[in-house]
Amino acid sequence: MRELKIVMESYPPRAWTDTVVRGVDQHNIAVTGLSDYYPIGFFVKGRGGEILGGLLGDIWGGWMLVGSLWVSESIRGHDYGSELMSRAHQYALEKSCTHAFLQTGSYEARPFYEKLGYRVYAELQNHPTQPHGRYFLSKRLDRSEEHPLHVKDLAIVMDPYPSKDAEAVVRQGITTHAYAAIGLPEKGWLPHNFFLRDSEGEILGGALGNLWGDWMYLAYLWVDRSLRAHGHATRLMVAAEEHAIAKGCSDAFLDTFSFQARPLYEKLGYRLFGEEKDHPKGHSHYRLTKKLIQTKHQDTK
């Protein structure tokens, strides 16, 4: 039998991460029977073609994820954010979506989203660092609520398959705003990836996520079916948590579906702090968190 070991790779080859993400996606489709997936991309473009705003997300299982929303400071206050959201909502309705969901920081746009009908169903305090917070919001989509603003000055275009450069403009805009709003944290955003690899180089499992401020986030956890029930998922989680602690993280959070690994996470000490019911239809989407170490503030109580 080939030897298995866990390796850390902050910037792994694309094939490694694709293997882990594909493994999770294939499991989700097999369990739910829901295979329809649609990427979302809307961009505000200046007269010279420059990108001045954008919305990135995706649709799966009747829910639309608003993953990134950004508008350049130079055009804020002119309804471009509302128009981007309205266009995305309309597109989601065309794809038979019933709900939309997103997350935002206390230094970002919670009032804007609540004005659009989103409601907070869960929150994390002191994320990414004190005294900030992270909010998780969702909304039931309704055709009668959508009233396009039809902004006129700049073009809003749909591009569900944007270039990496276009995506980078939107994501960098969000990052720049966050750092300006909270002050550049001493512990900035870092990739945080661990892989289960055999002696011949095959990737047979992985835990993909990131570190930001005082928090570890787990985005994907997967182990090849042939190796399940042998403790490899736990080993990956322990490796990720130990390294996060070494980097000064005090807390962790993740999300999982009712057909995935909630019992494993709870066995490892994670607790539920938020739930989206009927996401996807007939199932639930859970948010879980765990205290990795006691913070200095708690130690001095």
Protein backbone atom coordinates (compact mmCIF):
# COMPACT_ATOMS: atom_id res chain seq x y z
CA MET A 1 0.00 0.00 0.00
CA ARG A 2 1.29 3.43 -0.92
CA GLU A 3 2.34 5.65 1.98
CA LEU A 4 0.02 8.56 2.82
CA LYS A 5 1.14 11.84 4.34
CA ILE A 6 -0.34 15.27 4.97
CA VAL A 7 1.47 18.16 3.33
CA MET A 8 0.88 21.90 3.59
CA GLU A 9 0.96 23.99 0.41
CA SER A 10 -0.02 27.65 0.68
CA TYR A 11 0.15 28.08 -3.10
CA PRO A 12 -0.54 24.59 -4.49
CA PRO A 13 -0.73 23.61 -8.17
CA ARG A 14 -4.18 24.27 -9.65
CA ALA A 15 -4.64 20.53 -10.24
CA TRP A 16 -4.40 19.87 -6.48
CA THR A 17 -7.12 22.31 -5.48
CA ASP A 18 -9.29 21.28 -8.46
CA THR A 19 -9.14 17.67 -7.25
CA VAL A 20 -10.44 18.60 -3.79
CA VAL A 21 -13.15 20.98 -5.07
CA ARG A 22 -14.28 18.47 -7.70
CA GLY A 23 -14.49 15.73 -5.06
CA VAL A 24 -16.78 17.87 -2.89
CA ASP A 25 -18.91 18.92 -5.87
CA GLN A 26 -19.33 15.34 -7.08
CA HIS A 27 -20.43 14.26 -3.59
CA ASN A 28 -22.97 17.10 -3.41
CA ILE A 29 -24.44 16.24 -6.81
CA ALA A 30 -24.59 12.51 -6.07
CA VAL A 31 -26.42 13.05 -2.77
CA THR A 32 -28.86 15.77 -3.88
CA GLY A 33 -29.31 15.04 -7.59
CA LEU A 34 -28.88 18.78 -8.22
CA SER A 35 -26.37 19.32 -11.01
CA ASP A 36 -27.39 22.73 -12.38
CA TYR A 37 -24.70 25.30 -11.66
CA TYR A 38 -24.43 28.82 -13.05
CA PRO A 39 -21.62 31.34 -12.52
CA ILE A 40 -22.67 34.98 -12.11
CA GLY A 41 -20.73 38.03 -13.24
CA PHE A 42 -21.96 41.60 -13.73
CA PHE A 43 -19.58 44.53 -14.23
CA VAL A 44 -19.78 48.33 -14.36
CA LYS A 45 -17.53 49.52 -17.16
CA GLY A 46 -16.21 53.01 -17.81
CA ARG A 47 -16.11 54.62 -21.22
CA GLY A 48 -12.60 53.33 -21.75
CA GLY A 49 -13.58 49.78 -20.79
CA GLU A 50 -12.10 49.98 -17.30
CA ILE A 51 -13.92 48.06 -14.58
CA LEU A 52 -15.44 50.37 -11.95
CA GLY A 53 -17.58 47.84 -10.12
CA GLY A 54 -18.79 44.28 -10.19
CA LEU A 55 -20.76 41.43 -8.66
CA LEU A 56 -19.40 37.88 -8.64
CA GLY A 57 -21.31 34.83 -7.45
CA ASP A 58 -22.97 31.60 -8.48
CA ILE A 59 -26.21 29.63 -8.41
CA TRP A 60 -26.71 26.07 -7.17
CA GLY A 61 -29.66 24.26 -5.67
CA GLY A 62 -32.12 27.14 -6.04
CA TRP A 63 -29.92 29.58 -4.08
CA MET A 64 -27.84 32.46 -5.40
CA LEU A 65 -24.59 33.32 -3.64
CA VAL A 66 -23.46 36.94 -3.79
CA GLY A 67 -19.79 36.23 -3.31
CA SER A 68 -18.29 39.66 -4.05
CA LEU A 69 -19.85 43.10 -4.59
CA TRP A 70 -17.75 46.21 -5.14
CA VAL A 71 -18.23 49.68 -6.59
CA SER A 72 -15.34 52.12 -7.09
CA GLU A 73 -15.32 55.06 -4.71
CA SER A 74 -15.43 57.35 -7.75
CA ILE A 75 -19.00 56.29 -8.65
CA ARG A 76 -20.51 55.48 -5.26
CA GLY A 77 -23.80 57.14 -4.38
CA HIS A 78 -25.19 56.73 -7.90
CA ASP A 79 -27.12 53.45 -7.40
CA TYR A 80 -24.68 51.19 -9.24
CA GLY A 81 -24.54 48.77 -6.31
CA SER A 82 -28.34 48.53 -6.26
CA GLU A 83 -28.43 48.03 -10.02
CA LEU A 84 -25.85 45.24 -9.87
CA MET A 85 -27.88 43.47 -7.17
CA SER A 86 -31.13 43.96 -9.11
CA ARG A 87 -29.62 42.48 -12.27
CA ALA A 88 -28.29 39.50 -10.33
CA HIS A 89 -31.65 38.94 -8.63
CA GLN A 90 -33.43 38.98 -11.99
CA TYR A 91 -30.98 36.51 -13.47
CA ALA A 92 -31.40 34.23 -10.45
CA LEU A 93 -35.18 34.30 -10.84
CA GLU A 94 -34.78 33.35 -14.51
CA LYS A 95 -32.86 30.29 -13.29
CA SER A 96 -35.70 29.37 -10.89
CA CYS A 97 -33.87 30.51 -7.75
CA THR A 98 -35.96 31.03 -4.63
CA HIS A 99 -33.34 32.57 -2.30
CA ALA A 100 -30.13 34.58 -2.22
CA PHE A 101 -27.46 34.68 0.49
CA LEU A 102 -24.24 36.50 1.31
CA GLN A 103 -21.92 37.61 4.09
CA THR A 104 -20.60 41.05 4.97
CA GLY A 105 -18.48 42.74 7.63
CA SER A 106 -19.55 45.36 10.16
CA TYR A 107 -17.31 47.81 8.26
CA GLU A 108 -19.01 46.98 4.94
CA ALA A 109 -22.56 47.16 3.58
CA ARG A 110 -25.02 45.53 6.01
CA PRO A 111 -27.48 48.52 5.93
CA PHE A 112 -27.40 48.47 2.12
CA TYR A 113 -28.30 44.77 1.97
CA GLU A 114 -31.01 45.12 4.62
CA LYS A 115 -32.56 47.92 2.54
CA LEU A 116 -32.75 45.39 -0.31
CA GLY A 117 -34.66 42.95 1.89
CA TYR A 118 -31.85 40.79 3.26
CA ARG A 119 -32.04 39.72 6.89
CA VAL A 120 -29.27 38.62 9.29
CA TYR A 121 -29.64 34.99 10.40
CA ALA A 122 -26.20 34.52 11.99
CA GLU A 123 -23.14 36.49 13.05
CA LEU A 124 -19.59 36.07 14.31
CA GLN A 125 -18.25 38.57 16.80
CA ASN A 126 -14.65 39.82 16.65
CA HIS A 127 -14.13 38.80 13.02
CA PRO A 128 -11.54 39.29 11.60
CA THR A 129 -10.35 41.04 14.76
CA GLN A 130 -11.93 42.99 17.62
CA PRO A 131 -14.18 44.99 17.60
CA HIS A 132 -15.52 44.04 14.15
CA GLY A 133 -18.08 41.40 13.22
CA ARG A 134 -19.21 39.25 10.31
CA TYR A 135 -22.88 38.93 9.36
CA PHE A 136 -24.60 36.24 7.33
CA LEU A 137 -27.72 37.37 5.48
CA SER A 138 -30.33 35.78 3.24
CA LYS A 139 -33.39 36.82 1.30
CA ARG A 140 -36.33 35.13 -0.39
CA LEU A 141 -36.48 36.29 -3.99
CA ASP A 142 -39.75 37.77 -5.22
CA ARG A 143 -40.39 39.01 -8.77
CA SER A 144 -42.66 41.77 -7.52
CA GLU A 145 -39.80 43.33 -5.53
CA GLU A 146 -37.41 43.75 -8.42
CA HIS A 147 -37.45 47.25 -9.93
CA PRO A 148 -34.43 47.89 -12.17
CA LEU A 149 -32.97 51.36 -11.81
CA HIS A 150 -31.59 51.47 -15.37
CA VAL A 151 -28.60 53.63 -14.56
CA LYS A 152 -27.54 55.55 -17.64
CA ASP A 153 -24.08 57.04 -17.23
CA LEU A 154 -22.01 53.86 -17.37
CA ALA A 155 -22.68 50.46 -18.90
CA ILE A 156 -23.50 47.44 -16.75
CA VAL A 157 -22.65 44.26 -18.64
CA MET A 158 -23.15 40.60 -17.84
CA ASP A 159 -20.11 38.34 -18.11
CA PRO A 160 -20.56 34.99 -16.35
CA TYR A 161 -17.11 33.88 -17.55
CA PRO A 162 -14.92 36.90 -16.74
CA SER A 163 -11.17 36.98 -17.17
CA LYS A 164 -8.98 36.48 -14.12
CA ASP A 165 -7.96 40.13 -14.43
CA ALA A 166 -11.60 41.28 -14.25
CA GLU A 167 -12.25 39.12 -11.20
CA ALA A 168 -9.06 40.42 -9.59
CA VAL A 169 -10.19 44.06 -9.95
CA VAL A 170 -13.39 43.35 -8.00
CA ARG A 171 -11.74 41.23 -5.32
CA GLN A 172 -8.87 43.68 -4.86
CA GLY A 173 -11.36 46.54 -4.54
CA ILE A 174 -13.09 44.72 -1.70
CA THR A 175 -9.78 43.92 0.01
CA THR A 176 -8.58 47.51 -0.26
CA HIS A 177 -11.84 48.79 1.23
CA ALA A 178 -11.64 46.30 4.10
CA TYR A 179 -8.06 47.23 5.00
CA ALA A 180 -8.88 50.92 4.81
CA ALA A 181 -11.97 50.46 7.01
CA ILE A 182 -10.42 48.31 9.74
CA GLY A 183 -6.77 49.31 9.38
CA LEU A 184 -4.28 46.92 7.83
CA PRO A 185 -4.27 44.06 10.37
CA GLU A 186 -0.98 42.74 11.61
CA LYS A 187 -2.24 39.31 10.61
CA GLY A 188 -3.48 39.76 7.05
CA TRP A 189 -5.23 37.27 4.74
CA LEU A 190 -3.26 34.10 4.01
CA PRO A 191 -4.09 30.91 2.07
CA HIS A 192 -4.27 27.84 4.30
CA ASN A 193 -4.26 24.52 2.43
CA PHE A 194 -3.45 20.94 3.46
CA PHE A 195 -3.45 17.84 1.26
CA LEU A 196 -3.50 14.08 1.77
CA ARG A 197 -0.92 12.84 -0.72
CA ASP A 198 0.41 9.36 -1.40
CA SER A 199 4.02 8.37 -2.12
CA GLU A 200 3.42 8.54 -5.87
CA GLY A 201 2.06 12.10 -5.74
CA GLU A 202 -1.69 11.46 -6.06
CA ILE A 203 -3.95 13.85 -4.14
CA LEU A 204 -6.47 11.79 -2.17
CA GLY A 205 -7.86 14.42 0.18
CA GLY A 206 -7.56 18.01 1.24
CA ALA A 207 -8.61 20.84 3.54
CA LEU A 208 -8.73 24.21 1.77
CA GLY A 209 -9.24 27.54 3.49
CA ASN A 210 -7.60 30.74 4.65
CA LEU A 211 -6.44 32.69 7.70
CA TRP A 212 -7.55 36.26 8.27
CA GLY A 213 -6.97 38.22 11.43
CA ASP A 214 -7.72 35.96 14.38
CA TRP A 215 -9.72 33.44 12.34
CA MET A 216 -9.26 30.25 10.35
CA TYR A 217 -11.88 29.57 7.67
CA LEU A 218 -12.38 26.11 6.17
CA ALA A 219 -13.91 26.23 2.67
CA TYR A 220 -13.50 22.58 1.56
CA LEU A 221 -12.80 19.24 3.22
CA TRP A 222 -12.63 16.07 1.14
CA VAL A 223 -11.21 12.55 1.36
CA ASP A 224 -11.33 10.04 -1.49
CA ARG A 225 -14.12 7.49 -1.01
CA SER A 226 -11.63 4.59 -0.92
CA LEU A 227 -9.97 6.05 2.19
CA ARG A 228 -12.95 7.20 4.23
CA ALA A 229 -13.64 5.98 7.78
CA HIS A 230 -9.91 5.77 8.55
CA GLY A 231 -9.53 9.10 10.33
CA HIS A 232 -7.93 11.03 7.47
CA ALA A 233 -10.47 13.87 7.58
CA THR A 234 -9.77 14.32 11.28
CA ARG A 235 -6.03 14.33 10.60
CA LEU A 236 -6.46 17.06 7.98
CA MET A 237 -8.56 19.16 10.36
CA VAL A 238 -6.09 18.76 13.23
CA ALA A 239 -3.18 19.75 10.97
CA ALA A 240 -5.06 22.84 9.76
CA GLU A 241 -6.06 23.89 13.28
CA GLU A 242 -2.60 23.36 14.76
CA HIS A 243 -1.02 25.51 12.07
CA ALA A 244 -3.70 28.18 12.51
CA ILE A 245 -2.95 28.30 16.24
CA ALA A 246 0.77 28.58 15.50
CA LYS A 247 -0.08 31.60 13.32
CA GLY A 248 -1.95 33.21 16.22
CA CYS A 249 -5.54 32.34 15.32
CA SER A 250 -7.96 32.01 18.24
CA ASP A 251 -11.13 30.93 16.37
CA ALA A 252 -12.31 28.96 13.34
CA PHE A 253 -15.48 28.76 11.30
CA LEU A 254 -16.84 26.77 8.38
CA ASP A 255 -20.04 25.89 6.58
CA THR A 256 -21.46 22.48 5.71
CA PHE A 257 -24.68 20.96 4.41
CA SER A 258 -26.96 18.45 6.13
CA PHE A 259 -25.74 15.77 3.69
CA GLN A 260 -22.08 16.44 4.48
CA ALA A 261 -19.94 16.29 7.62
CA ARG A 262 -21.68 18.15 10.46
CA PRO A 263 -21.31 15.18 12.90
CA LEU A 264 -17.56 15.09 12.25
CA TYR A 265 -17.16 18.81 12.90
CA GLU A 266 -19.25 18.65 16.08
CA LYS A 267 -17.12 15.72 17.28
CA LEU A 268 -14.10 18.00 16.78
CA GLY A 269 -15.68 20.71 18.95
CA TYR A 270 -17.47 22.91 16.41
CA ARG A 271 -20.89 24.30 17.33
CA LEU A 272 -23.77 25.57 15.24
CA PHE A 273 -24.28 29.34 15.05
CA GLY A 274 -26.46 29.71 11.96
CA GLU A 275 -28.69 27.75 9.58
CA GLU A 276 -30.32 28.30 6.20
CA LYS A 277 -33.23 25.89 5.90
CA ASP A 278 -34.25 24.37 2.57
CA HIS A 279 -30.81 25.16 1.11
CA PRO A 280 -30.78 23.37 -1.25
CA LYS A 281 -34.41 22.25 -1.33
CA GLY A 282 -35.03 19.49 1.18
CA HIS A 283 -31.72 20.08 2.98
CA SER A 284 -30.06 22.62 5.30
CA HIS A 285 -26.92 24.74 5.15
CA TYR A 286 -25.13 25.07 8.50
CA ARG A 287 -22.57 27.54 9.86
CA LEU A 288 -20.29 26.23 12.61
CA THR A 289 -17.57 27.79 14.74
CA LYS A 290 -14.98 26.68 17.27
CA LYS A 291 -12.72 28.37 19.81
CA LEU A 292 -9.18 27.23 18.97
CA ILE A 293 -7.45 28.93 21.90
CA GLN A 294 -8.40 31.32 24.66
CA THR A 295 -7.83 34.93 23.68
CA LYS A 296 -5.64 37.17 25.83
CA HIS A 297 -8.74 39.10 26.90
CA GLN A 298 -10.39 35.91 28.17
CA ASP A 299 -7.20 34.69 29.85
CA THR A 300 -7.09 37.80 32.05
CA LYS A 301 -10.66 37.54 33.31
